[in-house]
């Protein structure tokens, strides 16, 4: 592998780690708000109008940014805690991936 392709592969692994961390952070936020058993039941919904959210309204970090931190239907504000938890999860996932990549480089 060339240096450029190795760097691109490592960058991709770090991005994948960040995405995985954001999803885990999003789920952690749901568990925090609904409890463990509640997180596994029912679909996500707006706390203002109780409308069931579509899958594209649940993409960690991106949905919050694209919707301006508000529900698409009733414009109720979505708490920033959700965004913070997802971003912390993304950062943690990127750090873990970076650590794993570093171990592979040192071992190889």
PDB file of N, CA and C in Angstrom:
ATOM      1  N   UNK A   1       0.834  -1.182   0.000  1.00  0.00           N
ATOM      2  CA  UNK A   1       0.000   0.000   0.000  1.00  0.00           C
ATOM      3  C   UNK A   1       0.874   1.239   0.000  1.00  0.00           C
ATOM      4  N   UNK A   2       0.436   2.247  -0.722  1.00  0.00           N
ATOM      5  CA  UNK A   2       1.185   3.502  -0.737  1.00  0.00           C
ATOM      6  C   UNK A   2       0.875   4.301   0.512  1.00  0.00           C
ATOM      7  N   UNK A   3       1.672   5.311   0.762  1.00  0.00           N
ATOM      8  CA  UNK A   3       1.452   6.152   1.937  1.00  0.00           C
ATOM      9  C   UNK A   3       0.110   6.862   1.898  1.00  0.00           C
ATOM     10  N   UNK A   4      -0.292   7.310   0.701  1.00  0.00           N
ATOM     11  CA  UNK A   4      -1.562   8.033   0.573  1.00  0.00           C
ATOM     12  C   UNK A   4      -2.751   7.106   0.821  1.00  0.00           C
ATOM     13  N   UNK A   5      -2.690   5.891   0.291  1.00  0.00           N
ATOM     14  CA  UNK A   5      -3.811   4.976   0.492  1.00  0.00           C
ATOM     15  C   UNK A   5      -3.878   4.501   1.937  1.00  0.00           C
ATOM     16  N   UNK A   6      -2.733   4.360   2.592  1.00  0.00           N
ATOM     17  CA  UNK A   6      -2.723   3.994   4.009  1.00  0.00           C
ATOM     18  C   UNK A   6      -3.329   5.108   4.846  1.00  0.00           C
ATOM     19  N   UNK A   7      -2.964   6.345   4.541  1.00  0.00           N
ATOM     20  CA  UNK A   7      -3.514   7.490   5.278  1.00  0.00           C
ATOM     21  C   UNK A   7      -5.028   7.594   5.063  1.00  0.00           C
ATOM     22  N   UNK A   8      -5.477   7.344   3.834  1.00  0.00           N
ATOM     23  CA  UNK A   8      -6.913   7.397   3.545  1.00  0.00           C
ATOM     24  C   UNK A   8      -7.655   6.297   4.305  1.00  0.00           C
ATOM     25  N   UNK A   9      -7.068   5.120   4.380  1.00  0.00           N
ATOM     26  CA  UNK A   9      -7.682   4.017   5.119  1.00  0.00           C
ATOM     27  C   UNK A   9      -7.773   4.351   6.609  1.00  0.00           C
ATOM     28  N   UNK A  10      -6.719   4.887   7.169  1.00  0.00           N
ATOM     29  CA  UNK A  10      -6.731   5.269   8.582  1.00  0.00           C
ATOM     30  C   UNK A  10      -7.763   6.360   8.845  1.00  0.00           C
ATOM     31  N   UNK A  11      -7.863   7.337   7.941  1.00  0.00           N
ATOM     32  CA  UNK A  11      -8.855   8.398   8.091  1.00  0.00           C
ATOM     33  C   UNK A  11     -10.269   7.818   8.048  1.00  0.00           C
ATOM     34  N   UNK A  12     -10.498   6.880   7.136  1.00  0.00           N
ATOM     35  CA  UNK A  12     -11.806   6.230   7.036  1.00  0.00           C
ATOM     36  C   UNK A  12     -12.140   5.476   8.318  1.00  0.00           C
ATOM     37  N   UNK A  13     -11.170   4.786   8.888  1.00  0.00           N
ATOM     38  CA  UNK A  13     -11.405   4.059  10.139  1.00  0.00           C
ATOM     39  C   UNK A  13     -11.748   5.011  11.284  1.00  0.00           C
ATOM     40  N   UNK A  14     -11.109   6.158  11.327  1.00  0.00           N
ATOM     41  CA  UNK A  14     -11.401   7.135  12.380  1.00  0.00           C
ATOM     42  C   UNK A  14     -12.796   7.722  12.192  1.00  0.00           C
ATOM     43  N   UNK A  15     -13.168   8.014  10.944  1.00  0.00           N
ATOM     44  CA  UNK A  15     -14.521   8.518  10.669  1.00  0.00           C
ATOM     45  C   UNK A  15     -15.564   7.468  11.042  1.00  0.00           C
ATOM     46  N   UNK A  16     -15.300   6.207  10.713  1.00  0.00           N
ATOM     47  CA  UNK A  16     -16.234   5.141  11.076  1.00  0.00           C
ATOM     48  C   UNK A  16     -16.344   5.011  12.596  1.00  0.00           C
ATOM     49  N   UNK A  17     -15.233   5.170  13.294  1.00  0.00           N
ATOM     50  CA  UNK A  17     -15.262   5.156  14.758  1.00  0.00           C
ATOM     51  C   UNK A  17     -16.108   6.294  15.296  1.00  0.00           C
ATOM     52  N   UNK A  18     -15.982   7.484  14.692  1.00  0.00           N
ATOM     53  CA  UNK A  18     -16.776   8.640  15.128  1.00  0.00           C
ATOM     54  C   UNK A  18     -18.267   8.403  14.877  1.00  0.00           C
ATOM     55  N   UNK A  19     -18.603   7.845  13.730  1.00  0.00           N
ATOM     56  CA  UNK A  19     -20.015   7.566  13.430  1.00  0.00           C
ATOM     57  C   UNK A  19     -20.589   6.532  14.397  1.00  0.00           C
ATOM     58  N   UNK A  20     -19.821   5.500  14.663  1.00  0.00           N
ATOM     59  CA  UNK A  20     -20.260   4.473  15.613  1.00  0.00           C
ATOM     60  C   UNK A  20     -20.443   5.078  17.002  1.00  0.00           C
ATOM     61  N   UNK A  21     -19.518   5.937  17.397  1.00  0.00           N
ATOM     62  CA  UNK A  21     -19.626   6.599  18.691  1.00  0.00           C
ATOM     63  C   UNK A  21     -20.838   7.516  18.775  1.00  0.00           C
ATOM     64  N   UNK A  22     -21.160   8.212  17.685  1.00  0.00           N
ATOM     65  CA  UNK A  22     -22.331   9.091  17.670  1.00  0.00           C
ATOM     66  C   UNK A  22     -23.619   8.292  17.826  1.00  0.00           C
ATOM     67  N   UNK A  23     -23.682   7.147  17.158  1.00  0.00           N
ATOM     68  CA  UNK A  23     -24.865   6.278  17.288  1.00  0.00           C
ATOM     69  C   UNK A  23     -24.969   5.749  18.718  1.00  0.00           C
ATOM     70  N   UNK A  24     -23.847   5.322  19.278  1.00  0.00           N
ATOM     71  CA  UNK A  24     -23.856   4.832  20.664  1.00  0.00           C
ATOM     72  C   UNK A  24     -24.245   5.954  21.625  1.00  0.00           C
ATOM     73  N   UNK A  25     -23.752   7.163  21.377  1.00  0.00           N
ATOM     74  CA  UNK A  25     -24.124   8.300  22.209  1.00  0.00           C
ATOM     75  C   UNK A  25     -25.600   8.625  22.108  1.00  0.00           C
ATOM     76  N   UNK A  26     -26.144   8.525  20.906  1.00  0.00           N
ATOM     77  CA  UNK A  26     -27.578   8.767  20.708  1.00  0.00           C
ATOM     78  C   UNK A  26     -28.404   7.753  21.495  1.00  0.00           C
ATOM     79  N   UNK A  27     -28.010   6.494  21.417  1.00  0.00           N
ATOM     80  CA  UNK A  27     -28.727   5.458  22.169  1.00  0.00           C
ATOM     81  C   UNK A  27     -28.582   5.688  23.670  1.00  0.00           C
ATOM     82  N   UNK A  28     -27.396   6.103  24.110  1.00  0.00           N
ATOM     83  CA  UNK A  28     -27.197   6.400  25.536  1.00  0.00           C
ATOM     84  C   UNK A  28     -28.116   7.524  25.988  1.00  0.00           C
ATOM     85  N   UNK A  29     -28.328   8.509  25.131  1.00  0.00           N
ATOM     86  CA  UNK A  29     -29.244   9.594  25.461  1.00  0.00           C
ATOM     87  C   UNK A  29     -30.681   9.108  25.588  1.00  0.00           C
ATOM     88  N   UNK A  30     -31.076   8.174  24.740  1.00  0.00           N
ATOM     89  CA  UNK A  30     -32.427   7.611  24.815  1.00  0.00           C
ATOM     90  C   UNK A  30     -32.581   6.813  26.109  1.00  0.00           C
ATOM     91  N   UNK A  31     -31.569   6.032  26.438  1.00  0.00           N
ATOM     92  CA  UNK A  31     -31.617   5.254  27.680  1.00  0.00           C
ATOM     93  C   UNK A  31     -31.701   6.205  28.872  1.00  0.00           C
ATOM     94  N   UNK A  32     -30.941   7.302  28.822  1.00  0.00           N
ATOM     95  CA  UNK A  32     -30.958   8.286  29.907  1.00  0.00           C
ATOM     96  C   UNK A  32     -32.353   8.907  30.082  1.00  0.00           C
ATOM     97  N   UNK A  33     -33.008   9.205  28.982  1.00  0.00           N
ATOM     98  CA  UNK A  33     -34.308   9.872  29.089  1.00  0.00           C
ATOM     99  C   UNK A  33     -35.471   8.917  29.340  1.00  0.00           C
ATOM    100  N   UNK A  34     -35.418   7.694  28.778  1.00  0.00           N
ATOM    101  CA  UNK A  34     -36.539   6.760  28.904  1.00  0.00           C
ATOM    102  C   UNK A  34     -36.303   5.616  29.869  1.00  0.00           C
ATOM    103  N   UNK A  35     -35.074   5.418  30.263  1.00  0.00           N
ATOM    104  CA  UNK A  35     -34.749   4.243  31.060  1.00  0.00           C
ATOM    105  C   UNK A  35     -34.417   3.083  30.145  1.00  0.00           C
ATOM    106  N   UNK A  36     -33.775   2.063  30.699  1.00  0.00           N
ATOM    107  CA  UNK A  36     -33.304   0.948  29.881  1.00  0.00           C
ATOM    108  C   UNK A  36     -34.443   0.229  29.172  1.00  0.00           C
ATOM    109  N   UNK A  37     -35.488  -0.127  29.899  1.00  0.00           N
ATOM    110  CA  UNK A  37     -36.593  -0.856  29.268  1.00  0.00           C
ATOM    111  C   UNK A  37     -37.367   0.012  28.303  1.00  0.00           C
ATOM    112  N   UNK A  38     -37.549   1.272  28.635  1.00  0.00           N
ATOM    113  CA  UNK A  38     -38.263   2.185  27.748  1.00  0.00           C
ATOM    114  C   UNK A  38     -37.524   2.455  26.453  1.00  0.00           C
ATOM    115  N   UNK A  39     -36.194   2.396  26.505  1.00  0.00           N
ATOM    116  CA  UNK A  39     -35.389   2.648  25.307  1.00  0.00           C
ATOM    117  C   UNK A  39     -35.589   1.557  24.270  1.00  0.00           C
ATOM    118  N   UNK A  40     -35.949   0.385  24.708  1.00  0.00           N
ATOM    119  CA  UNK A  40     -36.112  -0.739  23.795  1.00  0.00           C
ATOM    120  C   UNK A  40     -37.548  -0.879  23.296  1.00  0.00           C
ATOM    121  N   UNK A  41     -38.430  -0.034  23.783  1.00  0.00           N
ATOM    122  CA  UNK A  41     -39.842  -0.105  23.382  1.00  0.00           C
ATOM    123  C   UNK A  41     -40.244   1.162  22.641  1.00  0.00           C
ATOM    124  N   UNK A  42     -41.059   0.994  21.662  1.00  0.00           N
ATOM    125  CA  UNK A  42     -41.668   2.133  20.991  1.00  0.00           C
ATOM    126  C   UNK A  42     -40.696   2.927  20.126  1.00  0.00           C
ATOM    127  N   UNK A  43     -41.268   3.746  19.288  1.00  0.00           N
ATOM    128  CA  UNK A  43     -40.497   4.583  18.382  1.00  0.00           C
ATOM    129  C   UNK A  43     -40.219   5.928  19.039  1.00  0.00           C
ATOM    130  N   UNK A  44     -39.209   6.600  18.560  1.00  0.00           N
ATOM    131  CA  UNK A  44     -38.895   7.938  19.047  1.00  0.00           C
ATOM    132  C   UNK A  44     -39.968   8.897  18.566  1.00  0.00           C
ATOM    133  N   UNK A  45     -40.274   9.875  19.413  1.00  0.00           N
ATOM    134  CA  UNK A  45     -41.320  10.839  19.081  1.00  0.00           C
ATOM    135  C   UNK A  45     -40.951  12.212  19.630  1.00  0.00           C
ATOM    136  N   UNK A  46     -41.602  13.227  19.086  1.00  0.00           N
ATOM    137  CA  UNK A  46     -41.409  14.595  19.553  1.00  0.00           C
ATOM    138  C   UNK A  46     -42.062  14.731  20.927  1.00  0.00           C
ATOM    139  N   UNK A  47     -41.373  15.360  21.848  1.00  0.00           N
ATOM    140  CA  UNK A  47     -41.947  15.555  23.182  1.00  0.00           C
ATOM    141  C   UNK A  47     -43.001  16.659  23.183  1.00  0.00           C
ATOM    142  N   UNK A  48     -43.016  17.497  22.143  1.00  0.00           N
ATOM    143  CA  UNK A  48     -43.994  18.571  22.053  1.00  0.00           C
ATOM    144  C   UNK A  48     -45.315  18.118  21.455  1.00  0.00           C
ATOM    145  N   UNK A  49     -45.265  17.548  20.245  1.00  0.00           N
ATOM    146  CA  UNK A  49     -46.496  17.170  19.539  1.00  0.00           C
ATOM    147  C   UNK A  49     -46.736  15.656  19.523  1.00  0.00           C
ATOM    148  N   UNK A  50     -45.810  14.872  20.040  1.00  0.00           N
ATOM    149  CA  UNK A  50     -45.899  13.415  20.134  1.00  0.00           C
ATOM    150  C   UNK A  50     -45.961  12.709  18.777  1.00  0.00           C
ATOM    151  N   UNK A  51     -45.529  13.391  17.731  1.00  0.00           N
ATOM    152  CA  UNK A  51     -45.486  12.789  16.402  1.00  0.00           C
ATOM    153  C   UNK A  51     -44.310  11.815  16.340  1.00  0.00           C
ATOM    154  N   UNK A  52     -44.540  10.634  15.773  1.00  0.00           N
ATOM    155  CA  UNK A  52     -43.473   9.653  15.592  1.00  0.00           C
ATOM    156  C   UNK A  52     -42.476  10.197  14.576  1.00  0.00           C
ATOM    157  N   UNK A  53     -41.187  10.112  14.918  1.00  0.00           N
ATOM    158  CA  UNK A  53     -40.146  10.658  14.058  1.00  0.00           C
ATOM    159  C   UNK A  53     -39.754   9.672  12.968  1.00  0.00           C
ATOM    160  N   UNK A  54     -39.456  10.194  11.793  1.00  0.00           N
ATOM    161  CA  UNK A  54     -38.983   9.374  10.677  1.00  0.00           C
ATOM    162  C   UNK A  54     -37.504   9.063  10.876  1.00  0.00           C
ATOM    163  N   UNK A  55     -37.000   8.061  10.167  1.00  0.00           N
ATOM    164  CA  UNK A  55     -35.605   7.649  10.325  1.00  0.00           C
ATOM    165  C   UNK A  55     -34.645   8.790  10.022  1.00  0.00           C
ATOM    166  N   UNK A  56     -34.964   9.619   9.032  1.00  0.00           N
ATOM    167  CA  UNK A  56     -34.051  10.693   8.649  1.00  0.00           C
ATOM    168  C   UNK A  56     -34.060  11.857   9.646  1.00  0.00           C
ATOM    169  N   UNK A  57     -34.979  11.824  10.591  1.00  0.00           N
ATOM    170  CA  UNK A  57     -34.985  12.818  11.660  1.00  0.00           C
ATOM    171  C   UNK A  57     -34.199  12.334  12.872  1.00  0.00           C
ATOM    172  N   UNK A  58     -33.620  11.150  12.779  1.00  0.00           N
ATOM    173  CA  UNK A  58     -32.929  10.534  13.905  1.00  0.00           C
ATOM    174  C   UNK A  58     -31.440  10.307  13.653  1.00  0.00           C
ATOM    175  N   UNK A  59     -30.896  10.862  12.588  1.00  0.00           N
ATOM    176  CA  UNK A  59     -29.471  10.699  12.289  1.00  0.00           C
ATOM    177  C   UNK A  59     -28.682  11.547  13.292  1.00  0.00           C
ATOM    178  N   UNK A  60     -27.819  10.916  14.086  1.00  0.00           N
ATOM    179  CA  UNK A  60     -27.097  11.669  15.118  1.00  0.00           C
ATOM    180  C   UNK A  60     -26.346  12.882  14.558  1.00  0.00           C
ATOM    181  N   UNK A  61     -26.398  13.963  15.263  1.00  0.00           N
ATOM    182  CA  UNK A  61     -25.750  15.247  14.993  1.00  0.00           C
ATOM    183  C   UNK A  61     -26.305  15.913  13.734  1.00  0.00           C
ATOM    184  N   UNK A  62     -26.343  15.222  12.608  1.00  0.00           N
ATOM    185  CA  UNK A  62     -26.778  15.811  11.341  1.00  0.00           C
ATOM    186  C   UNK A  62     -28.238  16.267  11.400  1.00  0.00           C
ATOM    187  N   UNK A  63     -29.124  15.449  11.948  1.00  0.00           N
ATOM    188  CA  UNK A  63     -30.538  15.817  12.012  1.00  0.00           C
ATOM    189  C   UNK A  63     -30.742  17.059  12.874  1.00  0.00           C
ATOM    190  N   UNK A  64     -30.030  17.119  13.982  1.00  0.00           N
ATOM    191  CA  UNK A  64     -30.143  18.283  14.865  1.00  0.00           C
ATOM    192  C   UNK A  64     -29.718  19.543  14.111  1.00  0.00           C
ATOM    193  N   UNK A  65     -28.602  19.462  13.412  1.00  0.00           N
ATOM    194  CA  UNK A  65     -28.085  20.620  12.687  1.00  0.00           C
ATOM    195  C   UNK A  65     -29.015  21.020  11.537  1.00  0.00           C
ATOM    196  N   UNK A  66     -29.474  20.046  10.762  1.00  0.00           N
ATOM    197  CA  UNK A  66     -30.323  20.349   9.613  1.00  0.00           C
ATOM    198  C   UNK A  66     -31.699  20.883  10.013  1.00  0.00           C
ATOM    199  N   UNK A  67     -32.205  20.442  11.159  1.00  0.00           N
ATOM    200  CA  UNK A  67     -33.524  20.885  11.618  1.00  0.00           C
ATOM    201  C   UNK A  67     -33.432  22.096  12.533  1.00  0.00           C
ATOM    202  N   UNK A  68     -32.232  22.593  12.759  1.00  0.00           N
ATOM    203  CA  UNK A  68     -32.063  23.773  13.605  1.00  0.00           C
ATOM    204  C   UNK A  68     -32.395  23.509  15.061  1.00  0.00           C
ATOM    205  N   UNK A  69     -32.302  22.260  15.498  1.00  0.00           N
ATOM    206  CA  UNK A  69     -32.589  21.930  16.888  1.00  0.00           C
ATOM    207  C   UNK A  69     -34.068  21.986  17.238  1.00  0.00           C
ATOM    208  N   UNK A  70     -34.912  21.825  16.225  1.00  0.00           N
ATOM    209  CA  UNK A  70     -36.368  21.895  16.444  1.00  0.00           C
ATOM    210  C   UNK A  70     -37.083  20.762  15.724  1.00  0.00           C
ATOM    211  N   UNK A  71     -38.278  20.443  16.227  1.00  0.00           N
ATOM    212  CA  UNK A  71     -39.140  19.447  15.577  1.00  0.00           C
ATOM    213  C   UNK A  71     -39.591  20.004  14.232  1.00  0.00           C
ATOM    214  N   UNK A  72     -39.604  19.163  13.208  1.00  0.00           N
ATOM    215  CA  UNK A  72     -40.041  19.618  11.879  1.00  0.00           C
ATOM    216  C   UNK A  72     -41.512  19.988  11.852  1.00  0.00           C
ATOM    217  N   UNK A  73     -42.329  19.324  12.656  1.00  0.00           N
ATOM    218  CA  UNK A  73     -43.781  19.543  12.591  1.00  0.00           C
ATOM    219  C   UNK A  73     -44.233  20.726  13.451  1.00  0.00           C
ATOM    220  N   UNK A  74     -43.909  20.693  14.742  1.00  0.00           N
ATOM    221  CA  UNK A  74     -44.439  21.714  15.654  1.00  0.00           C
ATOM    222  C   UNK A  74     -43.416  22.777  16.024  1.00  0.00           C
ATOM    223  N   UNK A  75     -42.173  22.607  15.595  1.00  0.00           N
ATOM    224  CA  UNK A  75     -41.075  23.531  15.856  1.00  0.00           C
ATOM    225  C   UNK A  75     -40.691  23.620  17.331  1.00  0.00           C
ATOM    226  N   UNK A  76     -41.087  22.600  18.117  1.00  0.00           N
ATOM    227  CA  UNK A  76     -40.678  22.551  19.525  1.00  0.00           C
ATOM    228  C   UNK A  76     -39.168  22.365  19.582  1.00  0.00           C
ATOM    229  N   UNK A  77     -38.540  22.993  20.559  1.00  0.00           N
ATOM    230  CA  UNK A  77     -37.097  22.910  20.677  1.00  0.00           C
ATOM    231  C   UNK A  77     -36.665  21.533  21.172  1.00  0.00           C
ATOM    232  N   UNK A  78     -35.615  21.024  20.552  1.00  0.00           N
ATOM    233  CA  UNK A  78     -35.007  19.767  20.994  1.00  0.00           C
ATOM    234  C   UNK A  78     -33.862  20.160  21.915  1.00  0.00           C
ATOM    235  N   UNK A  79     -33.801  19.568  23.080  1.00  0.00           N
ATOM    236  CA  UNK A  79     -32.767  19.926  24.043  1.00  0.00           C
ATOM    237  C   UNK A  79     -31.362  19.735  23.492  1.00  0.00           C
ATOM    238  N   UNK A  80     -30.474  20.657  23.826  1.00  0.00           N
ATOM    239  CA  UNK A  80     -29.084  20.559  23.368  1.00  0.00           C
ATOM    240  C   UNK A  80     -28.352  19.377  23.990  1.00  0.00           C
ATOM    241  N   UNK A  81     -28.915  18.841  25.062  1.00  0.00           N
ATOM    242  CA  UNK A  81     -28.278  17.682  25.701  1.00  0.00           C
ATOM    243  C   UNK A  81     -28.128  16.533  24.716  1.00  0.00           C
ATOM    244  N   UNK A  82     -29.139  16.357  23.865  1.00  0.00           N
ATOM    245  CA  UNK A  82     -29.085  15.280  22.867  1.00  0.00           C
ATOM    246  C   UNK A  82     -27.891  15.482  21.941  1.00  0.00           C
ATOM    247  N   UNK A  83     -27.695  16.700  21.480  1.00  0.00           N
ATOM    248  CA  UNK A  83     -26.575  16.998  20.600  1.00  0.00           C
ATOM    249  C   UNK A  83     -25.241  16.796  21.305  1.00  0.00           C
ATOM    250  N   UNK A  84     -25.149  17.260  22.541  1.00  0.00           N
ATOM    251  CA  UNK A  84     -23.900  17.136  23.290  1.00  0.00           C
ATOM    252  C   UNK A  84     -23.539  15.665  23.519  1.00  0.00           C
ATOM    253  N   UNK A  85     -24.521  14.861  23.906  1.00  0.00           N
ATOM    254  CA  UNK A  85     -24.268  13.436  24.150  1.00  0.00           C
ATOM    255  C   UNK A  85     -23.807  12.749  22.857  1.00  0.00           C
ATOM    256  N   UNK A  86     -24.428  13.083  21.731  1.00  0.00           N
ATOM    257  CA  UNK A  86     -24.036  12.494  20.450  1.00  0.00           C
ATOM    258  C   UNK A  86     -22.630  12.929  20.045  1.00  0.00           C
ATOM    259  N   UNK A  87     -22.290  14.190  20.277  1.00  0.00           N
ATOM    260  CA  UNK A  87     -20.963  14.687  19.912  1.00  0.00           C
ATOM    261  C   UNK A  87     -19.877  14.100  20.811  1.00  0.00           C
ATOM    262  N   UNK A  88     -20.175  13.942  22.095  1.00  0.00           N
ATOM    263  CA  UNK A  88     -19.216  13.305  23.000  1.00  0.00           C
ATOM    264  C   UNK A  88     -19.004  11.850  22.584  1.00  0.00           C
ATOM    265  N   UNK A  89     -20.076  11.167  22.215  1.00  0.00           N
ATOM    266  CA  UNK A  89     -19.960   9.793  21.718  1.00  0.00           C
ATOM    267  C   UNK A  89     -19.120   9.726  20.453  1.00  0.00           C
ATOM    268  N   UNK A  90     -19.324  10.679  19.545  1.00  0.00           N
ATOM    269  CA  UNK A  90     -18.542  10.705  18.302  1.00  0.00           C
ATOM    270  C   UNK A  90     -17.064  10.929  18.605  1.00  0.00           C
ATOM    271  N   UNK A  91     -16.769  11.847  19.513  1.00  0.00           N
ATOM    272  CA  UNK A  91     -15.373  12.113  19.877  1.00  0.00           C
ATOM    273  C   UNK A  91     -14.738  10.880  20.523  1.00  0.00           C
ATOM    274  N   UNK A  92     -15.484  10.232  21.411  1.00  0.00           N
ATOM    275  CA  UNK A  92     -14.961   9.025  22.064  1.00  0.00           C
ATOM    276  C   UNK A  92     -14.715   7.913  21.048  1.00  0.00           C
ATOM    277  N   UNK A  93     -15.626   7.743  20.114  1.00  0.00           N
ATOM    278  CA  UNK A  93     -15.447   6.730  19.071  1.00  0.00           C
ATOM    279  C   UNK A  93     -14.236   7.020  18.199  1.00  0.00           C
ATOM    280  N   UNK A  94     -14.020   8.288  17.870  1.00  0.00           N
ATOM    281  CA  UNK A  94     -12.856   8.660  17.062  1.00  0.00           C
ATOM    282  C   UNK A  94     -11.559   8.405  17.826  1.00  0.00           C
ATOM    283  N   UNK A  95     -11.558   8.706  19.124  1.00  0.00           N
ATOM    284  CA  UNK A  95     -10.361   8.478  19.941  1.00  0.00           C
ATOM    285  C   UNK A  95     -10.055   6.984  20.047  1.00  0.00           C
ATOM    286  N   UNK A  96     -11.083   6.179  20.247  1.00  0.00           N
ATOM    287  CA  UNK A  96     -10.883   4.725  20.317  1.00  0.00           C
ATOM    288  C   UNK A  96     -10.344   4.205  18.986  1.00  0.00           C
ATOM    289  N   UNK A  97     -10.933   4.657  17.885  1.00  0.00           N
ATOM    290  CA  UNK A  97     -10.452   4.221  16.564  1.00  0.00           C
ATOM    291  C   UNK A  97      -9.012   4.669  16.339  1.00  0.00           C
ATOM    292  N   UNK A  98      -8.690   5.889  16.741  1.00  0.00           N
ATOM    293  CA  UNK A  98      -7.323   6.380  16.604  1.00  0.00           C
ATOM    294  C   UNK A  98      -6.353   5.524  17.419  1.00  0.00           C
ATOM    295  N   UNK A  99      -6.774   5.140  18.618  1.00  0.00           N
ATOM    296  CA  UNK A  99      -5.946   4.261  19.434  1.00  0.00           C
ATOM    297  C   UNK A  99      -5.735   2.906  18.787  1.00  0.00           C
ATOM    298  N   UNK A 100      -6.787   2.350  18.211  1.00  0.00           N
ATOM    299  CA  UNK A 100      -6.654   1.048  17.538  1.00  0.00           C
ATOM    300  C   UNK A 100      -5.761   1.144  16.318  1.00  0.00           C
ATOM    301  N   UNK A 101      -5.922   2.234  15.543  1.00  0.00           N
ATOM    302  CA  UNK A 101      -5.081   2.445  14.380  1.00  0.00           C
ATOM    303  C   UNK A 101      -3.622   2.581  14.823  1.00  0.00           C
ATOM    304  N   UNK A 102      -3.384   3.293  15.891  1.00  0.00           N
ATOM    305  CA  UNK A 102      -2.014   3.468  16.408  1.00  0.00           C
ATOM    306  C   UNK A 102      -1.408   2.126  16.823  1.00  0.00           C
ATOM    307  N   UNK A 103      -2.210   1.271  17.452  1.00  0.00           N
ATOM    308  CA  UNK A 103      -1.719  -0.049  17.828  1.00  0.00           C
ATOM    309  C   UNK A 103      -1.332  -0.876  16.611  1.00  0.00           C
ATOM    310  N   UNK A 104      -2.129  -0.792  15.557  1.00  0.00           N
ATOM    311  CA  UNK A 104      -1.837  -1.539  14.328  1.00  0.00           C
ATOM    312  C   UNK A 104      -0.543  -1.021  13.703  1.00  0.00           C
ATOM    313  N   UNK A 105      -0.370   0.285  13.692  1.00  0.00           N
ATOM    314  CA  UNK A 105       0.834   0.865  13.104  1.00  0.00           C
ATOM    315  C   UNK A 105       2.063   0.467  13.906  1.00  0.00           C
ATOM    316  N   UNK A 106       1.969   0.521  15.224  1.00  0.00           N
ATOM    317  CA  UNK A 106       3.102   0.158  16.073  1.00  0.00           C
ATOM    318  C   UNK A 106       3.432  -1.336  15.983  1.00  0.00           C
ATOM    319  N   UNK A 107       2.405  -2.167  15.825  1.00  0.00           N
ATOM    320  CA  UNK A 107       2.619  -3.606  15.748  1.00  0.00           C
ATOM    321  C   UNK A 107       3.187  -4.011  14.385  1.00  0.00           C
ATOM    322  N   UNK A 108       2.857  -3.216  13.364  1.00  0.00           N
ATOM    323  CA  UNK A 108       3.238  -3.593  12.018  1.00  0.00           C
ATOM    324  C   UNK A 108       4.565  -3.080  11.665  1.00  0.00           C
TER     325      UNK A 108
END
